[in-house]
Amino acid sequence: MLRTALSAILVSLSLSTPTAAAAESRSMCVYDPAGRTGFIFKLMEGWAIQASAWGATVELKPYTDEATAVNDFTAGRCDGVAASGVRLQRYNKSAYTVEAVGAIPTYDLLKPVLTTLQTNPAYAPMFDAGDYETIGIYPLGAVYVFTRDRSRDELKDYAGARVATLDYDQASAVAVEGMGAVKVPADLATLGPMFNNGEIDVCFLPATAYTPFELWHGLGEDGGIITSPLLQVTLQLMVHDGRFPDGFGTASRRFVAGDFESAMKSVRAAEAEIPERYWIRPTPAAQAELDSYFQRMRLILRDERHAYDGRVLSLLKKARCNADPSRAECAQNLE
């Protein structure tokens, strides 16, 4: 789901790598809707500076169209790519599963999850996807439900609502079906105008889309944004296997894990810009209903659509229950 959009902490590495002078030249396709001036590209510039210490001099190539960036990577025109997890799901289901519906409800939980996955050697196999390797997962913020009618405070109220979906995003399609809502095809170029013009009633977007898409027009006086995240969108760094030096992926993931707050700075600023009146905070009963709904969607996406890795879902459930043992799911054995 969509998701539009993405001070480094130096990590001391006990790795024997070539010096910067001997570093291999490689390229990385970088998706940022704002191109070179966007915060994702700036984030990747900080990453690229560190990459020379791991044995590669990386040229960053900006793309304002995500599909084109991923297609050029697939065709071998770039050695690596930086794009959303949902775009890269067909290459690495395990890494994509960190974006599972309702799986990471808070940023306080997101940080230790991403840190553990990227620094604990026990989880290294999930980043190896045969011909590809995921060498980093940056947070790009929560995806929220934006609605033109804030009176929709229960799931049943979304039955029949028109909700935008992206054709490459299985999770959003399943989420809409689970609500009993109507799927309306959209893409990142049309989603904002469709919401603002009333062609759709609901859309799923991160807070970073609020200002560039001018979503206050669609929210108007009656709309709102549900504070319970639908999912966490991520920027995932992926490379062709064998094109980077040995140990590069491990070093990159360790660095990215430590660079969490650099990515979150723009996310937190975007969320702070949204007027308080738009935020809808679910009641405890409504939140429990949402949690149950999220769980049903994850199970469908794991068992029927085969979109999620069950091992990663189990890890995420353990993290949620460690943080809050009172959650109803903690007494169940479904994930």
Foldseek 3Di string as FASTA:
>chain_A
DDEDDWVFDDDDDPDDEDALVQAAEFEEEEEHLVWCPGLRVVVVVVLQVCLSRRRHRYHYDYDNDQVVRVVCQVVVVGQKYKDKLLVCLVQALAVSQLFAFLLQFDPVLVLVLLLCCQQPPVNLVSQDRDQKGWQAKEFQAFKWKKFLAPVPQALQSQAAFEEEDEPSGPLVVLLCVLSNYHYDYDDPVCPLVCLLVVVGGIYIYALLVCVVSVNCSNNPPRIAIESGGRGIMITIMMGGPPPGDPPSSSSSSNSNSSCHVSTCVSRVVSVVPDDPVRYDYHDPVRVLNSSVSSLVSSLCCVPPVVSHDVVSSVVSVVSVCVVPVVRPCNVPDRD
